[in-house]
């Protein structure tokens, strides 16, 4: 009888330990699920920020190219006509430097 009682107590203890471990694992699963949701939201936010930054970068690059395209045009017109807005007839040595710079950019 005593052997049977010890056996039942041992099984009861093992069941209790297993139950305790299952409760612990379930708690850890809930915690990790919450962390996963948070990290997934942060990933979505970061991806959205990357898309916005990429769009802004493309717009800025386009604006820079448009400005670069506009800059040589007035300078080349000044060199071609040999006049300047301040009333001087030419740039003198600067005219040659600008012409060289424009040739290098083309």
N, C-alpha and C. Protein backbone atom coordinates (compact mmCIF):
# COMPACT_ATOMS: atom_id res chain seq x y z
N UNK A 1 0.80 -1.18 0.00
CA UNK A 1 0.00 0.00 0.00
C UNK A 1 0.86 1.26 0.00
N UNK A 2 1.91 1.22 0.79
CA UNK A 2 2.80 2.38 0.86
C UNK A 2 3.46 2.63 -0.50
N UNK A 3 3.82 1.58 -1.20
CA UNK A 3 4.42 1.73 -2.52
C UNK A 3 3.44 2.38 -3.48
N UNK A 4 2.23 1.98 -3.39
CA UNK A 4 1.20 2.57 -4.25
C UNK A 4 1.02 4.04 -3.93
N UNK A 5 1.02 4.39 -2.67
CA UNK A 5 0.85 5.78 -2.24
C UNK A 5 2.03 6.62 -2.73
N UNK A 6 3.23 6.11 -2.61
CA UNK A 6 4.43 6.82 -3.07
C UNK A 6 4.35 7.01 -4.59
N UNK A 7 3.92 5.99 -5.29
CA UNK A 7 3.77 6.07 -6.74
C UNK A 7 2.76 7.14 -7.13
N UNK A 8 1.63 7.18 -6.45
CA UNK A 8 0.59 8.18 -6.73
C UNK A 8 1.11 9.57 -6.42
N UNK A 9 1.82 9.73 -5.32
CA UNK A 9 2.38 11.04 -4.95
C UNK A 9 3.41 11.48 -5.99
N UNK A 10 4.24 10.56 -6.44
CA UNK A 10 5.25 10.91 -7.46
C UNK A 10 4.57 11.34 -8.75
N UNK A 11 3.57 10.61 -9.17
CA UNK A 11 2.84 10.98 -10.38
C UNK A 11 2.17 12.34 -10.19
N UNK A 12 1.60 12.55 -9.03
CA UNK A 12 0.95 13.83 -8.74
C UNK A 12 1.96 14.97 -8.82
N UNK A 13 3.14 14.76 -8.25
CA UNK A 13 4.19 15.79 -8.29
C UNK A 13 4.64 16.05 -9.73
N UNK A 14 4.78 14.99 -10.51
CA UNK A 14 5.19 15.15 -11.90
C UNK A 14 4.12 15.91 -12.70
N UNK A 15 2.87 15.58 -12.44
CA UNK A 15 1.78 16.29 -13.11
C UNK A 15 1.79 17.75 -12.71
N UNK A 16 2.01 18.03 -11.44
CA UNK A 16 2.07 19.41 -10.97
C UNK A 16 3.22 20.16 -11.64
N UNK A 17 4.39 19.51 -11.72
CA UNK A 17 5.56 20.13 -12.35
C UNK A 17 5.28 20.39 -13.83
N UNK A 18 4.69 19.41 -14.51
CA UNK A 18 4.36 19.60 -15.92
C UNK A 18 3.35 20.73 -16.11
N UNK A 19 2.34 20.77 -15.23
CA UNK A 19 1.35 21.84 -15.30
C UNK A 19 2.02 23.20 -15.10
N UNK A 20 2.92 23.28 -14.11
CA UNK A 20 3.64 24.52 -13.85
C UNK A 20 4.47 24.93 -15.07
N UNK A 21 5.14 23.95 -15.70
CA UNK A 21 5.94 24.26 -16.89
C UNK A 21 5.07 24.73 -18.05
N UNK A 22 3.92 24.12 -18.23
CA UNK A 22 2.99 24.54 -19.28
C UNK A 22 2.52 25.97 -19.03
N UNK A 23 2.22 26.30 -17.78
CA UNK A 23 1.79 27.67 -17.45
C UNK A 23 2.92 28.65 -17.76
N UNK A 24 4.15 28.29 -17.39
CA UNK A 24 5.30 29.16 -17.65
C UNK A 24 5.49 29.36 -19.16
N UNK A 25 5.39 28.28 -19.91
CA UNK A 25 5.57 28.37 -21.37
C UNK A 25 4.47 29.22 -21.99
N UNK A 26 3.25 29.04 -21.54
CA UNK A 26 2.14 29.86 -22.06
C UNK A 26 2.37 31.34 -21.76
N UNK A 27 2.87 31.64 -20.58
CA UNK A 27 3.16 33.03 -20.22
C UNK A 27 4.25 33.59 -21.15
N UNK A 28 5.30 32.81 -21.38
CA UNK A 28 6.38 33.25 -22.26
C UNK A 28 5.87 33.44 -23.69
N UNK A 29 4.97 32.57 -24.14
CA UNK A 29 4.39 32.71 -25.47
C UNK A 29 3.62 34.02 -25.57
N UNK A 30 2.84 34.36 -24.54
CA UNK A 30 2.09 35.62 -24.55
C UNK A 30 3.03 36.82 -24.58
N UNK A 31 4.09 36.77 -23.80
CA UNK A 31 5.05 37.88 -23.77
C UNK A 31 5.72 38.02 -25.14
N UNK A 32 6.17 36.90 -25.71
CA UNK A 32 6.85 36.95 -27.00
C UNK A 32 5.89 37.37 -28.12
N UNK A 33 4.64 36.98 -28.02
CA UNK A 33 3.65 37.41 -29.01
C UNK A 33 3.47 38.92 -28.96
N UNK A 34 3.40 39.46 -27.75
CA UNK A 34 3.30 40.92 -27.60
C UNK A 34 4.51 41.63 -28.16
N UNK A 35 5.70 41.09 -27.88
CA UNK A 35 6.92 41.69 -28.42
C UNK A 35 6.94 41.60 -29.94
N UNK A 36 6.46 40.48 -30.46
CA UNK A 36 6.42 40.30 -31.91
C UNK A 36 5.51 41.33 -32.56
N UNK A 37 4.36 41.57 -31.96
CA UNK A 37 3.42 42.56 -32.50
C UNK A 37 4.07 43.94 -32.49
N UNK A 38 4.74 44.28 -31.39
CA UNK A 38 5.40 45.58 -31.29
C UNK A 38 6.50 45.72 -32.34
N UNK A 39 7.33 44.68 -32.46
CA UNK A 39 8.42 44.74 -33.44
C UNK A 39 7.89 44.79 -34.88
N UNK A 40 6.80 44.07 -35.14
CA UNK A 40 6.22 44.09 -36.48
C UNK A 40 5.68 45.48 -36.81
N UNK A 41 5.08 46.15 -35.82
CA UNK A 41 4.58 47.51 -36.03
C UNK A 41 5.76 48.46 -36.28
N UNK A 42 6.83 48.31 -35.51
CA UNK A 42 8.00 49.15 -35.72
C UNK A 42 8.60 48.92 -37.10
N UNK A 43 8.61 47.67 -37.55
CA UNK A 43 9.10 47.37 -38.89
C UNK A 43 8.24 48.05 -39.95
N UNK A 44 6.93 48.00 -39.78
CA UNK A 44 6.04 48.67 -40.72
C UNK A 44 6.26 50.17 -40.74
N UNK A 45 6.44 50.76 -39.56
CA UNK A 45 6.70 52.20 -39.47
C UNK A 45 8.03 52.56 -40.16
N UNK A 46 9.05 51.75 -39.92
CA UNK A 46 10.35 52.00 -40.54
C UNK A 46 10.27 51.85 -42.06
N UNK A 47 9.52 50.87 -42.53
CA UNK A 47 9.37 50.68 -43.97
C UNK A 47 8.65 51.88 -44.59
N UNK A 48 7.64 52.40 -43.90
CA UNK A 48 6.93 53.58 -44.40
C UNK A 48 7.86 54.80 -44.44
N UNK A 49 8.66 54.97 -43.40
CA UNK A 49 9.62 56.08 -43.38
C UNK A 49 10.63 55.93 -44.52
N UNK A 50 11.06 54.70 -44.79
CA UNK A 50 12.00 54.47 -45.90
C UNK A 50 11.36 54.82 -47.24
N UNK A 51 10.10 54.43 -47.43
CA UNK A 51 9.41 54.77 -48.68
C UNK A 51 9.29 56.28 -48.84
N UNK A 52 8.93 56.97 -47.75
CA UNK A 52 8.80 58.44 -47.82
C UNK A 52 10.15 59.09 -48.10
N UNK A 53 11.20 58.61 -47.43
CA UNK A 53 12.53 59.17 -47.64
C UNK A 53 13.01 58.92 -49.07
N UNK A 54 12.70 57.74 -49.59
CA UNK A 54 13.08 57.42 -50.97
C UNK A 54 12.37 58.34 -51.96
N UNK A 55 11.08 58.57 -51.72
CA UNK A 55 10.32 59.48 -52.58
C UNK A 55 10.89 60.89 -52.50
N UNK A 56 11.15 61.36 -51.27
CA UNK A 56 11.72 62.70 -51.09
C UNK A 56 13.08 62.80 -51.76
N UNK A 57 13.88 61.74 -51.68
CA UNK A 57 15.19 61.73 -52.30
C UNK A 57 15.07 61.85 -53.82
N UNK A 58 14.12 61.11 -54.41
CA UNK A 58 13.93 61.20 -55.87
C UNK A 58 13.50 62.61 -56.27
N UNK A 59 12.60 63.21 -55.48
CA UNK A 59 12.13 64.57 -55.79
C UNK A 59 13.29 65.55 -55.69
N UNK A 60 14.10 65.42 -54.62
CA UNK A 60 15.23 66.33 -54.46
C UNK A 60 16.25 66.16 -55.59
N UNK A 61 16.52 64.92 -55.98
CA UNK A 61 17.45 64.69 -57.09
C UNK A 61 16.93 65.32 -58.37
N UNK A 62 15.64 65.18 -58.59
CA UNK A 62 15.03 65.77 -59.78
C UNK A 62 15.14 67.29 -59.73
N UNK A 63 14.89 67.88 -58.56
CA UNK A 63 15.01 69.33 -58.41
C UNK A 63 16.45 69.79 -58.65
N UNK A 64 17.40 69.04 -58.12
CA UNK A 64 18.81 69.40 -58.32
C UNK A 64 19.17 69.34 -59.80
N UNK A 65 18.73 68.30 -60.48
CA UNK A 65 19.03 68.19 -61.91
C UNK A 65 18.38 69.33 -62.70
N UNK A 66 17.16 69.71 -62.31
CA UNK A 66 16.50 70.82 -63.00
C UNK A 66 17.26 72.12 -62.76
N UNK A 67 17.74 72.33 -61.54
CA UNK A 67 18.52 73.53 -61.25
C UNK A 67 19.86 73.51 -61.99
N UNK A 68 20.49 72.34 -62.04
CA UNK A 68 21.76 72.24 -62.77
C UNK A 68 21.55 72.53 -64.25
N UNK A 69 20.43 72.10 -64.78
CA UNK A 69 20.15 72.35 -66.20
C UNK A 69 19.93 73.83 -66.44
N UNK A 70 19.40 74.56 -65.46
CA UNK A 70 19.14 75.99 -65.63
C UNK A 70 20.40 76.82 -65.45
N UNK A 71 21.34 76.39 -64.63
CA UNK A 71 22.51 77.21 -64.31
C UNK A 71 23.39 77.47 -65.51
N UNK A 72 23.81 76.50 -66.29
CA UNK A 72 24.72 76.80 -67.41
C UNK A 72 24.08 77.66 -68.49
N UNK A 73 22.78 77.62 -68.62
CA UNK A 73 22.12 78.34 -69.70
C UNK A 73 22.38 79.85 -69.63
N UNK A 74 22.15 80.54 -68.53
CA UNK A 74 22.46 81.98 -68.51
C UNK A 74 23.94 82.27 -68.69
N UNK A 75 24.79 81.44 -68.14
CA UNK A 75 26.23 81.67 -68.28
C UNK A 75 26.65 81.52 -69.74
N UNK A 76 26.14 80.47 -70.39
CA UNK A 76 26.52 80.30 -71.79
C UNK A 76 25.98 81.43 -72.65
N UNK A 77 24.79 81.95 -72.30
CA UNK A 77 24.25 83.10 -73.05
C UNK A 77 25.14 84.32 -72.88
N UNK A 78 25.64 84.53 -71.70
CA UNK A 78 26.53 85.68 -71.44
C UNK A 78 27.82 85.53 -72.24
N UNK A 79 28.34 84.31 -72.25
CA UNK A 79 29.59 84.08 -72.99
C UNK A 79 29.36 84.27 -74.49
N UNK A 80 28.25 83.76 -74.99
CA UNK A 80 27.96 83.88 -76.43
C UNK A 80 27.79 85.33 -76.84
N UNK A 81 27.07 86.11 -76.02
CA UNK A 81 26.81 87.50 -76.39
C UNK A 81 27.95 88.42 -76.00
N UNK A 82 28.79 87.98 -75.06
CA UNK A 82 29.90 88.82 -74.61
C UNK A 82 29.43 89.97 -73.75
N UNK A 83 28.22 89.91 -73.22
CA UNK A 83 27.72 90.98 -72.37
C UNK A 83 27.39 90.43 -70.99
N UNK A 84 27.21 91.38 -70.11
CA UNK A 84 26.92 91.03 -68.73
C UNK A 84 25.84 91.96 -68.22
N UNK A 85 25.10 91.53 -67.23
CA UNK A 85 23.99 92.33 -66.71
C UNK A 85 24.43 93.65 -66.12
N UNK A 86 25.68 93.76 -65.69
CA UNK A 86 26.12 95.01 -65.06
C UNK A 86 26.61 96.02 -66.10
N UNK A 87 26.55 95.70 -67.36
CA UNK A 87 26.90 96.66 -68.40
C UNK A 87 28.30 96.51 -68.94
N UNK A 88 29.10 95.59 -68.45
CA UNK A 88 30.45 95.40 -68.98
C UNK A 88 30.36 94.64 -70.30
N UNK A 89 31.29 94.86 -71.18
CA UNK A 89 31.26 94.22 -72.49
C UNK A 89 31.69 92.76 -72.45
N UNK A 90 32.60 92.41 -71.55
CA UNK A 90 33.02 91.01 -71.48
C UNK A 90 33.55 90.72 -70.09
N UNK A 91 33.80 89.45 -69.88
CA UNK A 91 34.35 89.04 -68.60
C UNK A 91 35.86 89.14 -68.57
N UNK A 92 36.47 89.31 -69.70
CA UNK A 92 37.93 89.31 -69.76
C UNK A 92 38.43 87.89 -69.51
N UNK A 93 39.45 87.72 -68.63
CA UNK A 93 39.98 86.37 -68.36
C UNK A 93 38.92 85.44 -67.76
N UNK A 94 37.97 85.99 -67.04
CA UNK A 94 36.93 85.15 -66.45
C UNK A 94 36.07 84.51 -67.53
N UNK A 95 35.93 85.21 -68.67
CA UNK A 95 35.16 84.67 -69.79
C UNK A 95 35.77 83.37 -70.27
N UNK A 96 37.08 83.31 -70.37
CA UNK A 96 37.76 82.09 -70.82
C UNK A 96 37.60 80.97 -69.79
N UNK A 97 37.69 81.32 -68.53
CA UNK A 97 37.53 80.32 -67.47
C UNK A 97 36.12 79.74 -67.50
N UNK A 98 35.12 80.59 -67.66
CA UNK A 98 33.74 80.11 -67.73
C UNK A 98 33.50 79.24 -68.96
N UNK A 99 34.08 79.64 -70.07
CA UNK A 99 33.92 78.84 -71.30
C UNK A 99 34.56 77.47 -71.11
N UNK A 100 35.74 77.42 -70.49
CA UNK A 100 36.41 76.16 -70.23
C UNK A 100 35.57 75.30 -69.29
N UNK A 101 35.03 75.93 -68.28
CA UNK A 101 34.19 75.19 -67.30
C UNK A 101 32.95 74.62 -68.00
N UNK A 102 32.33 75.40 -68.85
CA UNK A 102 31.15 74.91 -69.56
C UNK A 102 31.49 73.77 -70.50
N UNK A 103 32.64 73.82 -71.15
CA UNK A 103 33.03 72.73 -72.04
C UNK A 103 33.27 71.44 -71.25
N UNK A 104 33.83 71.56 -70.06
CA UNK A 104 34.09 70.39 -69.22
C UNK A 104 32.77 69.79 -68.72
N UNK A 105 31.78 70.60 -68.48
CA UNK A 105 30.49 70.12 -67.97
C UNK A 105 29.67 69.43 -69.05
N UNK A 106 29.93 69.74 -70.30
CA UNK A 106 29.13 69.18 -71.39
C UNK A 106 29.56 67.78 -71.74
